[in-house]
Amino acid sequence: AASRSSLMVAARRQYQLHMALFFVVLLASLVSPASAIHLRQQGNQADVDGPAGRTNQVFVFKTYGEYTDWKMTLLERYAEQLEGTPFSLSILRDVSTLLEEGSYESDGSVAKDVVSLKSGRTIPSCEVTWGAAIKEWGEATFAGLSPFGGGRTIPGKGVHNQYEALWWKHCRPADHPPEFAWFVEDDAYFAGNVFKFLQSFSENSEDLISSSFRIAGPHWWNFGSFNRSLASHSLESSLKDPDSASDDLDSPLPSLDAGSPLSGFSSSDSAASAYLETQRGARLRSRRSSAPTRLRLFRADEPGLVNNVSPLPPLSLFPCGDGSEDQAGLIFRQDMVERYSSRMMELLLTSLSNEVLAPGEAFLSTLCASDQHCTMHDWAPVAQRRDAAAASPFNVHSPSSRFSSPYFSYSSSSSSSSSSSSSPPSSTSTSYYSLSLSWASPLWCWGGFLQHRQCRADFQDRWIHPVKAKHASAMKC
């Protein structure tokens, strides 16, 4: 009897164990894939969120026109790489040309849509038009300017920041407003897992993170497009031609002698020098205005403009330079991949309400520098990229000593970022990477040809631009 009782107890325990396992399997089958990802990562959330634990960030894919096979491939790639991370994925699409061609129906307002991928994932999309921007901020804001992209751009007059502002105002997640938003153009490509790049800035709280900041002065070919947005309209004619003075500049010019605040300027910089002298009290002594209504000009050696680059190099510094050597002017950067803070976005909205807008490469960065609280960081300093190119084993030119740049230095006083937080992985056997701290590949400019170099070691874990592709297999190695 005792033996029979023991057998019954053992059988009952075995049955209970089997039932428990059955319910565990049943429960697991009911959990959604997204929830399953969350459960798998919950025990190691520090690896996902990073040290700062920022979870309200958005990665915005900027595009226009039709969705090509290549664009859909990029979206699948980003969706897979960012799934289960603190970064949500969104699309910002300019459909102006489609509307004009009759292949898109819209009343001209901002529209929300959802894009379905082959993988079954869905991505929210914000559909914007040139007409929607004019409706939002009025025709005067866009006078003399043109939409950027789709073959409608007037050279030197193309603008696109109004579309980011429309996304922020109408399409950002309402239930969990993002603290930061990355905006990435559709012809930029990251040769690796883009989460590595995004996560490296998790401790960085700068308002504008972009690449290759420089000074664009009166000799920059597109400087005239900013005249209407500068703080003093009386200098428009002078800044177009820095060798002449306007009627408003007939007073004696500031001294250019050694020890002067403007020492180092040549006599040909008279207009810029006079303008900067009138701004020094407001800009250097009281720093910046708390709510700028117009853009200002800056000296290259003015401290605190970009937290990890000082002084700012001229546009003549390669790679991707244009030859101008001005030491004062607008703050220029390469804007294909950049991050905006919520404060930067609100500053942009205020600027548009004040009818201040200019071409993208120097607009937001100069706007940020004109504000008292706005801060900037360079994820690919141009001098650093030149160092890396000179040291690269792929350099076809004759070997030379490493270029020692006076334009690149990390700020030791910055509490919001550090060199280690903005450096790409460097685990490789080649000496090139020990010298390169840049996230930019050898092809990071507005023009140039990739020529099947994307599989080379010096392109890995780096951004490439431009990638003008249409087919899904364009970047396969």
Protein backbone atom coordinates (compact mmCIF):
# COMPACT_ATOMS: atom_id res chain seq x y z
CA ALA A 1 0.00 0.00 0.00
CA ALA A 2 2.82 2.37 0.91
CA SER A 3 4.52 1.56 -2.39
CA ARG A 4 1.30 2.17 -4.29
CA SER A 5 0.82 5.54 -2.51
CA SER A 6 4.37 6.65 -3.37
CA LEU A 7 3.77 5.80 -7.04
CA MET A 8 0.56 7.85 -7.07
CA VAL A 9 2.34 10.86 -5.53
CA ALA A 10 5.14 10.63 -8.10
CA ALA A 11 2.64 10.36 -10.94
CA ARG A 12 0.69 13.37 -9.69
CA ARG A 13 3.89 15.48 -9.47
CA GLN A 14 4.89 14.45 -12.97
CA TYR A 15 1.43 15.42 -14.26
CA GLN A 16 1.66 18.82 -12.54
CA LEU A 17 5.10 19.40 -14.07
CA HIS A 18 3.84 18.55 -17.56
CA MET A 19 0.86 20.89 -17.16
CA ALA A 20 3.14 23.70 -15.98
CA LEU A 21 5.37 23.24 -19.01
CA PHE A 22 2.29 23.19 -21.26
CA PHE A 23 1.04 26.53 -19.96
CA VAL A 24 4.52 28.08 -20.26
CA VAL A 25 4.68 27.04 -23.95
CA LEU A 26 1.12 28.27 -24.51
CA LEU A 27 1.89 31.64 -22.94
CA ALA A 28 5.07 32.04 -25.01
CA SER A 29 3.11 31.38 -28.21
CA LEU A 30 0.73 34.22 -27.37
CA VAL A 31 3.45 36.81 -26.77
CA SER A 32 3.91 39.18 -29.74
CA PRO A 33 7.35 39.33 -31.44
CA ALA A 34 7.83 42.89 -30.18
CA SER A 35 7.00 41.81 -26.64
CA ALA A 36 9.31 38.84 -26.96
CA ILE A 37 12.14 41.15 -27.97
CA HIS A 38 11.38 43.32 -24.95
CA LEU A 39 11.42 40.32 -22.61
CA ARG A 40 14.72 39.05 -24.00
CA GLN A 41 16.39 42.41 -23.49
CA GLN A 42 14.84 43.35 -20.18
CA GLY A 43 17.52 41.58 -18.20
CA ASN A 44 20.29 43.47 -20.03
CA GLN A 45 18.65 46.85 -20.57
CA ALA A 46 21.87 48.76 -19.88
CA ASP A 47 23.30 47.39 -23.13
CA VAL A 48 20.29 48.75 -25.00
CA ASP A 49 19.78 52.13 -23.38
CA GLY A 50 23.43 52.93 -22.79
CA PRO A 51 24.84 54.89 -19.88
CA ALA A 52 22.47 57.83 -20.23
CA GLY A 53 19.38 55.66 -20.61
CA ARG A 54 17.76 57.93 -23.22
CA THR A 55 14.75 56.11 -24.60
CA ASN A 56 12.82 58.91 -26.32
CA GLN A 57 14.79 59.28 -29.54
CA VAL A 58 13.62 59.03 -33.13
CA PHE A 59 15.50 58.09 -36.31
CA VAL A 60 13.83 59.93 -39.21
CA PHE A 61 14.48 58.73 -42.77
CA LYS A 62 14.23 61.76 -45.10
CA THR A 63 13.17 61.14 -48.68
CA TYR A 64 11.05 62.50 -51.52
CA GLY A 65 9.13 61.12 -54.49
CA GLU A 66 8.45 57.44 -55.10
CA TYR A 67 9.74 54.58 -52.97
CA THR A 68 12.38 52.78 -55.04
CA ASP A 69 13.69 49.27 -54.37
CA TRP A 70 16.79 50.84 -52.84
CA LYS A 71 14.80 53.04 -50.46
CA MET A 72 12.74 50.07 -49.32
CA THR A 73 15.95 48.10 -48.77
CA LEU A 74 17.32 50.90 -46.59
CA LEU A 75 14.09 51.03 -44.58
CA GLU A 76 14.21 47.26 -44.00
CA ARG A 77 17.84 47.58 -42.92
CA TYR A 78 17.14 50.41 -40.47
CA ALA A 79 14.01 48.69 -39.12
CA GLU A 80 15.94 45.49 -38.42
CA GLN A 81 18.94 47.23 -36.85
CA LEU A 82 16.83 49.50 -34.60
CA GLU A 83 14.24 46.96 -33.52
CA GLY A 84 14.32 46.51 -29.76
CA THR A 85 16.52 49.61 -29.24
CA PRO A 86 15.56 52.97 -27.71
CA PHE A 87 15.29 54.44 -31.24
CA SER A 88 11.93 54.47 -33.00
CA LEU A 89 11.90 54.71 -36.79
CA SER A 90 9.91 57.26 -38.77
CA ILE A 91 9.74 58.53 -42.37
CA LEU A 92 9.61 62.13 -43.58
CA ARG A 93 8.65 62.24 -47.27
CA ASP A 94 8.27 65.27 -49.50
CA VAL A 95 5.52 64.36 -51.99
CA SER A 96 5.39 67.74 -53.74
CA THR A 97 6.53 66.42 -57.13
CA LEU A 98 4.11 63.48 -56.96
CA LEU A 99 1.30 65.92 -56.22
CA GLU A 100 2.31 68.09 -59.19
CA GLU A 101 2.47 65.04 -61.47
CA GLY A 102 -0.98 63.88 -60.39
CA SER A 103 0.26 60.57 -58.94
CA TYR A 104 -0.52 61.61 -55.37
CA GLU A 105 -3.79 62.93 -53.99
CA SER A 106 -3.63 65.56 -51.28
CA ASP A 107 -5.30 68.78 -50.22
CA GLY A 108 -1.85 70.24 -49.54
CA SER A 109 -1.94 69.53 -45.81
CA VAL A 110 0.47 67.35 -43.84
CA ALA A 111 -0.70 63.73 -44.01
CA LYS A 112 0.14 60.76 -41.80
CA ASP A 113 0.58 57.35 -43.40
CA VAL A 114 2.07 53.94 -42.63
CA VAL A 115 4.60 52.13 -44.84
CA SER A 116 4.47 48.31 -44.73
CA LEU A 117 7.71 46.40 -45.34
CA LYS A 118 8.13 42.88 -46.74
CA SER A 119 9.27 41.73 -43.32
CA GLY A 120 5.85 42.62 -41.91
CA ARG A 121 7.16 45.63 -40.02
CA THR A 122 5.38 48.97 -40.36
CA ILE A 123 6.84 52.48 -40.19
CA PRO A 124 4.88 55.70 -39.61
CA SER A 125 5.31 58.20 -42.42
CA CYS A 126 4.82 61.96 -42.51
CA GLU A 127 3.88 63.20 -46.00
CA VAL A 128 4.68 66.89 -46.54
CA THR A 129 4.56 69.35 -49.42
CA TRP A 130 5.95 72.76 -50.34
CA GLY A 131 2.38 74.02 -50.26
CA ALA A 132 1.89 72.74 -46.71
CA ALA A 133 4.96 74.69 -45.57
CA ILE A 134 3.70 77.89 -47.22
CA LYS A 135 0.28 77.33 -45.64
CA GLU A 136 1.94 76.95 -42.23
CA TRP A 137 4.32 79.94 -42.29
CA GLY A 138 3.22 82.18 -45.17
CA GLU A 139 4.69 83.03 -48.56
CA ALA A 140 6.96 85.76 -47.16
CA THR A 141 9.00 83.13 -45.28
CA PHE A 142 9.89 81.41 -48.56
CA ALA A 143 10.32 84.45 -50.82
CA GLY A 144 13.27 83.94 -53.17
CA LEU A 145 13.76 80.32 -52.02
CA SER A 146 12.87 76.99 -53.63
CA PRO A 147 12.06 73.47 -52.43
CA PHE A 148 15.05 71.16 -52.17
CA GLY A 149 14.96 67.87 -54.07
CA GLY A 150 13.05 66.39 -56.96
CA GLY A 151 14.67 68.54 -59.66
CA ARG A 152 12.81 71.69 -58.57
CA THR A 153 15.70 73.35 -56.76
CA ILE A 154 17.01 76.72 -57.87
CA PRO A 155 20.81 76.49 -57.42
CA GLY A 156 21.80 78.03 -54.10
CA LYS A 157 18.19 78.64 -53.03
CA GLY A 158 17.02 75.17 -52.01
CA VAL A 159 15.66 74.78 -48.47
CA HIS A 160 14.44 71.74 -46.56
CA ASN A 161 14.40 72.55 -42.85
CA GLN A 162 10.74 73.58 -43.12
CA TYR A 163 9.94 69.89 -43.65
CA GLU A 164 11.67 68.83 -40.43
CA ALA A 165 9.65 71.54 -38.69
CA LEU A 166 6.41 70.16 -40.17
CA TRP A 167 7.34 66.67 -38.96
CA TRP A 168 8.05 67.99 -35.47
CA LYS A 169 4.83 69.99 -35.31
CA HIS A 170 2.42 67.46 -36.83
CA CYS A 171 3.94 63.97 -36.88
CA ARG A 172 6.23 63.45 -33.89
CA PRO A 173 4.99 60.83 -31.39
CA ALA A 174 2.37 62.68 -29.35
CA ASP A 175 2.22 60.20 -26.48
CA HIS A 176 5.99 60.24 -25.91
CA PRO A 177 7.56 63.38 -27.43
CA PRO A 178 11.19 62.71 -28.39
CA GLU A 179 14.05 64.47 -26.67
CA PHE A 180 16.20 64.05 -29.78
CA ALA A 181 15.54 63.30 -33.45
CA TRP A 182 18.13 62.08 -35.97
CA PHE A 183 17.40 63.15 -39.56
CA VAL A 184 19.12 61.04 -42.23
CA GLU A 185 18.91 61.63 -45.97
CA ASP A 186 18.02 58.75 -48.26
CA ASP A 187 21.33 58.91 -50.18
CA ALA A 188 23.43 58.48 -47.04
CA TYR A 189 24.47 54.92 -46.16
CA PHE A 190 26.04 53.50 -43.02
CA ALA A 191 28.31 50.52 -43.78
CA GLY A 192 27.55 48.63 -40.58
CA ASN A 193 24.98 48.58 -37.81
CA VAL A 194 23.66 52.13 -37.51
CA PHE A 195 22.79 51.54 -33.85
CA LYS A 196 26.52 51.63 -33.04
CA PHE A 197 26.73 55.14 -34.41
CA LEU A 198 23.56 56.40 -32.72
CA GLN A 199 24.40 54.84 -29.37
CA SER A 200 27.85 56.45 -29.29
CA PHE A 201 26.13 59.80 -28.65
CA SER A 202 23.87 58.57 -25.85
CA GLU A 203 25.71 60.72 -23.32
CA ASN A 204 25.84 63.78 -25.56
CA SER A 205 23.20 66.43 -24.86
CA GLU A 206 24.18 68.98 -27.54
CA ASP A 207 21.31 70.60 -29.42
CA LEU A 208 22.78 70.07 -32.89
CA ILE A 209 25.08 67.18 -33.76
CA SER A 210 26.31 67.29 -37.35
CA SER A 211 29.49 66.81 -39.37
CA SER A 212 32.45 68.86 -40.63
CA PHE A 213 31.65 72.33 -39.24
CA ARG A 214 33.52 75.19 -40.94
CA ILE A 215 33.37 78.94 -41.52
CA ALA A 216 31.60 80.14 -44.68
CA GLY A 217 32.41 83.81 -45.23
CA PRO A 218 31.67 86.43 -47.92
CA HIS A 219 33.78 84.52 -50.48
CA TRP A 220 31.59 81.41 -50.23
CA TRP A 221 29.62 81.15 -53.46
CA ASN A 222 26.23 80.97 -51.68
CA PHE A 223 26.79 83.63 -49.02
CA GLY A 224 24.38 86.06 -50.70
CA SER A 225 21.43 83.72 -50.12
CA PHE A 226 21.65 84.57 -46.40
CA ASN A 227 21.51 88.36 -46.73
CA ARG A 228 17.82 88.65 -45.91
CA SER A 229 18.25 86.56 -42.74
CA LEU A 230 21.24 88.45 -41.27
CA ALA A 231 20.81 90.65 -38.24
CA SER A 232 21.64 93.87 -40.11
CA HIS A 233 20.09 94.31 -43.55
CA SER A 234 22.15 97.47 -44.06
CA LEU A 235 25.18 95.26 -44.73
CA GLU A 236 23.66 93.26 -47.57
CA SER A 237 25.46 95.04 -50.39
CA SER A 238 28.76 95.15 -48.50
CA LEU A 239 28.77 91.46 -47.68
CA LYS A 240 28.10 90.57 -51.28
CA ASP A 241 31.27 92.45 -52.21
CA PRO A 242 33.65 92.55 -49.22
CA ASP A 243 36.12 94.74 -51.15
CA SER A 244 33.77 97.70 -51.09
CA ALA A 245 32.00 99.59 -48.31
CA SER A 246 28.35 100.60 -48.42
CA ASP A 247 26.95 104.00 -47.43
CA ASP A 248 26.33 102.58 -43.97
CA LEU A 249 30.01 101.74 -43.52
CA ASP A 250 31.61 105.11 -44.21
CA SER A 251 32.80 105.44 -40.62
CA PRO A 252 36.44 104.45 -39.88
CA LEU A 253 37.04 100.71 -39.85
CA PRO A 254 38.18 99.00 -36.63
CA SER A 255 41.92 98.70 -36.14
CA LEU A 256 43.45 95.53 -37.58
CA ASP A 257 46.69 95.93 -35.63
CA ALA A 258 48.08 93.21 -33.39
CA GLY A 259 46.21 93.12 -30.12
CA SER A 260 43.00 94.37 -31.66
CA PRO A 261 39.91 92.14 -31.24
CA LEU A 262 39.92 91.88 -35.03
CA SER A 263 43.61 91.25 -35.56
CA GLY A 264 44.29 88.77 -38.33
CA PHE A 265 41.76 90.20 -40.80
CA SER A 266 42.98 91.56 -44.10
CA SER A 267 41.82 94.91 -45.47
CA SER A 268 39.69 93.06 -48.02
CA ASP A 269 37.51 91.82 -45.15
CA SER A 270 36.28 95.35 -44.38
CA ALA A 271 32.57 94.59 -44.52
CA ALA A 272 32.79 91.48 -42.39
CA SER A 273 35.14 93.24 -39.96
CA ALA A 274 32.82 96.20 -39.51
CA TYR A 275 29.84 93.94 -39.06
CA LEU A 276 31.60 91.80 -36.49
CA GLU A 277 32.81 94.81 -34.56
CA THR A 278 29.23 96.03 -34.15
CA GLN A 279 28.27 92.59 -32.87
CA ARG A 280 31.11 92.02 -30.43
CA GLY A 281 29.36 93.69 -27.53
CA ALA A 282 26.22 91.62 -28.01
CA ARG A 283 27.96 88.43 -28.98
CA LEU A 284 31.23 88.15 -27.04
CA ARG A 285 30.57 90.11 -23.88
CA SER A 286 26.94 89.16 -23.27
CA ARG A 287 27.31 85.94 -25.24
CA ARG A 288 24.24 85.30 -27.36
CA SER A 289 20.63 86.45 -27.38
CA SER A 290 18.05 84.21 -25.74
CA ALA A 291 15.64 84.47 -28.68
CA PRO A 292 17.47 85.49 -31.90
CA THR A 293 15.26 86.93 -34.61
CA ARG A 294 18.06 87.10 -37.19
CA LEU A 295 21.29 85.25 -37.95
CA ARG A 296 24.69 86.59 -36.89
CA LEU A 297 28.23 86.21 -38.22
CA PHE A 298 31.06 84.72 -36.20
CA ARG A 299 34.84 84.67 -36.01
CA ALA A 300 36.49 81.30 -36.62
CA ASP A 301 38.37 81.52 -33.33
CA GLU A 302 35.39 82.48 -31.20
CA PRO A 303 35.25 79.96 -28.35
CA GLY A 304 32.28 77.75 -27.67
CA LEU A 305 30.74 77.63 -31.15
CA VAL A 306 31.25 73.88 -31.62
CA ASN A 307 32.20 72.10 -28.43
CA ASN A 308 34.87 69.78 -29.85
CA VAL A 309 36.37 71.89 -32.66
CA SER A 310 38.15 75.19 -32.08
CA PRO A 311 38.96 77.26 -34.01
CA LEU A 312 36.62 76.40 -36.88
CA PRO A 313 38.52 75.73 -40.12
CA PRO A 314 37.79 77.62 -43.35
CA LEU A 315 35.93 76.05 -46.24
CA SER A 316 39.24 75.61 -48.06
CA LEU A 317 40.16 72.73 -45.75
CA PHE A 318 39.64 69.42 -47.52
CA PRO A 319 38.04 66.93 -47.78
CA CYS A 320 34.94 68.47 -49.33
CA GLY A 321 36.20 72.06 -49.37
CA ASP A 322 35.54 74.88 -51.82
CA GLY A 323 38.71 76.98 -51.62
CA SER A 324 37.50 80.03 -49.67
CA GLU A 325 39.72 81.17 -46.80
CA ASP A 326 37.43 83.50 -44.85
CA GLN A 327 38.04 83.64 -41.10
CA ALA A 328 34.60 85.04 -40.27
CA GLY A 329 31.11 84.34 -41.49
CA LEU A 330 28.32 81.78 -41.21
CA ILE A 331 28.66 78.41 -39.49
CA PHE A 332 28.70 75.77 -42.22
CA ARG A 333 28.34 71.98 -41.86
CA GLN A 334 27.51 68.88 -43.90
CA ASP A 335 23.90 68.21 -43.02
CA MET A 336 23.16 64.76 -44.47
CA VAL A 337 23.11 63.03 -41.07
CA GLU A 338 22.42 65.09 -37.96
CA ARG A 339 20.59 65.14 -34.65
CA TYR A 340 18.31 67.90 -33.34
CA SER A 341 17.25 68.34 -29.75
CA SER A 342 13.73 69.40 -28.83
CA ARG A 343 15.18 72.86 -28.07
CA MET A 344 16.73 73.02 -31.55
CA MET A 345 13.36 72.15 -33.09
CA GLU A 346 11.54 74.84 -31.09
CA LEU A 347 14.21 77.33 -32.16
CA LEU A 348 13.57 76.37 -35.79
CA LEU A 349 9.81 76.84 -35.37
CA THR A 350 10.37 80.29 -33.87
CA SER A 351 12.72 81.20 -36.71
CA LEU A 352 10.16 80.21 -39.34
CA SER A 353 7.50 82.23 -37.52
CA ASN A 354 9.88 85.21 -37.78
CA GLU A 355 10.21 84.58 -41.54
CA VAL A 356 13.88 83.61 -41.18
CA LEU A 357 14.98 80.73 -43.42
CA ALA A 358 18.04 80.04 -45.59
CA PRO A 359 19.71 77.13 -47.44
CA GLY A 360 20.39 74.11 -45.25
CA GLU A 361 24.19 73.78 -45.04
CA ALA A 362 24.69 76.95 -43.01
CA PHE A 363 21.23 77.83 -41.73
CA LEU A 364 20.51 75.71 -38.64
CA SER A 365 24.12 75.78 -37.44
CA THR A 366 24.27 79.59 -37.67
CA LEU A 367 20.85 79.83 -36.04
CA CYS A 368 22.05 77.64 -33.17
CA ALA A 369 25.24 79.69 -32.75
CA SER A 370 23.12 82.86 -32.62
CA ASP A 371 21.16 81.55 -29.64
CA GLN A 372 22.36 81.93 -26.06
CA HIS A 373 21.62 78.36 -25.00
CA CYS A 374 22.04 76.28 -28.16
CA THR A 375 25.11 73.98 -28.35
CA MET A 376 26.74 71.98 -31.16
CA HIS A 377 29.00 68.94 -31.61
CA ASP A 378 30.89 67.68 -34.68
CA TRP A 379 30.73 63.91 -35.28
CA ALA A 380 33.24 64.11 -38.16
CA PRO A 381 35.61 67.10 -37.81
CA VAL A 382 37.01 67.88 -41.24
CA ALA A 383 40.62 68.14 -40.03
CA GLN A 384 40.25 64.77 -38.32
CA ARG A 385 39.04 63.29 -41.60
CA ARG A 386 42.08 64.79 -43.37
CA ASP A 387 44.36 63.20 -40.77
CA ALA A 388 42.74 59.83 -41.36
CA ALA A 389 42.99 60.13 -45.14
CA ALA A 390 46.70 60.99 -44.95
CA ALA A 391 47.38 58.00 -42.69
CA SER A 392 45.24 55.52 -44.60
CA PRO A 393 47.04 52.57 -46.26
CA PHE A 394 44.66 53.15 -49.18
CA ASN A 395 46.11 56.62 -49.81
CA VAL A 396 47.43 56.58 -53.38
CA HIS A 397 49.57 59.68 -52.88
CA SER A 398 53.15 59.60 -51.72
CA PRO A 399 53.56 58.86 -47.99
CA SER A 400 53.92 61.84 -45.70
CA SER A 401 53.95 62.53 -42.01
CA ARG A 402 50.61 62.73 -40.28
CA PHE A 403 48.91 66.06 -40.87
CA SER A 404 48.87 67.94 -37.58
CA SER A 405 45.81 70.16 -37.64
CA PRO A 406 45.42 73.36 -35.62
CA TYR A 407 41.66 73.15 -36.09
CA PHE A 408 40.78 70.02 -34.10
CA SER A 409 40.67 69.65 -30.35
CA TYR A 410 38.23 68.11 -27.94
CA SER A 411 36.89 70.50 -25.34
CA SER A 412 38.02 69.48 -21.87
CA SER A 413 35.46 71.75 -20.23
CA SER A 414 32.40 70.20 -21.82
CA SER A 415 30.37 68.21 -19.33
CA SER A 416 27.89 66.84 -21.82
CA SER A 417 30.18 64.96 -24.16
CA SER A 418 33.62 63.51 -24.50
CA SER A 419 35.93 62.22 -27.18
CA SER A 420 35.33 58.64 -26.18
CA SER A 421 31.58 58.95 -26.60
CA SER A 422 31.89 60.13 -30.19
CA SER A 423 34.56 57.78 -31.51
CA PRO A 424 33.76 54.77 -33.71
CA PRO A 425 34.93 51.26 -32.95
CA SER A 426 38.65 50.83 -33.67
CA SER A 427 39.15 47.09 -33.27
CA THR A 428 41.06 46.28 -36.44
CA SER A 429 44.48 45.05 -37.40
CA THR A 430 45.40 48.00 -39.63
CA SER A 431 47.22 51.05 -38.31
CA TYR A 432 44.78 53.30 -40.19
CA TYR A 433 42.08 52.90 -37.57
CA SER A 434 44.39 53.76 -34.70
CA LEU A 435 44.65 57.24 -36.22
CA SER A 436 41.08 57.59 -37.40
CA LEU A 437 38.37 58.58 -34.96
CA SER A 438 35.91 59.73 -37.59
CA TRP A 439 32.54 58.19 -38.44
CA ALA A 440 32.88 59.52 -42.01
CA SER A 441 34.17 57.33 -44.82
CA PRO A 442 36.58 58.63 -47.51
CA LEU A 443 33.43 59.46 -49.51
CA TRP A 444 31.51 61.98 -47.40
CA CYS A 445 30.70 64.98 -49.56
CA TRP A 446 28.00 66.21 -51.96
CA GLY A 447 29.58 64.68 -55.05
CA GLY A 448 31.97 61.91 -55.97
CA PHE A 449 31.78 58.29 -57.03
CA LEU A 450 31.80 55.23 -54.82
CA GLN A 451 33.42 52.98 -57.47
CA HIS A 452 32.65 49.78 -55.51
CA ARG A 453 34.80 50.83 -52.57
CA GLN A 454 32.09 50.18 -49.96
CA CYS A 455 33.64 46.83 -48.98
CA ARG A 456 37.04 48.31 -48.18
CA ALA A 457 38.16 48.34 -44.55
CA ASP A 458 38.23 52.14 -44.35
CA PHE A 459 34.52 52.31 -45.25
CA GLN A 460 33.30 49.94 -42.53
CA ASP A 461 31.28 51.37 -39.62
CA ARG A 462 31.25 54.72 -41.41
CA TRP A 463 28.82 56.92 -43.27
CA ILE A 464 29.01 57.12 -47.08
CA HIS A 465 27.55 59.93 -49.19
CA PRO A 466 26.36 60.21 -51.88
CA VAL A 467 24.96 56.77 -52.69
CA LYS A 468 22.79 57.29 -55.76
CA ALA A 469 21.25 53.83 -56.05
CA LYS A 470 17.97 52.42 -57.30
CA HIS A 471 18.37 48.67 -56.98
CA ALA A 472 18.21 46.67 -53.76
CA SER A 473 21.59 45.00 -54.29
CA ALA A 474 23.52 48.22 -54.94
CA MET A 475 25.75 48.04 -51.82
CA LYS A 476 26.35 44.32 -51.55
CA CYS A 477 29.94 43.19 -51.21
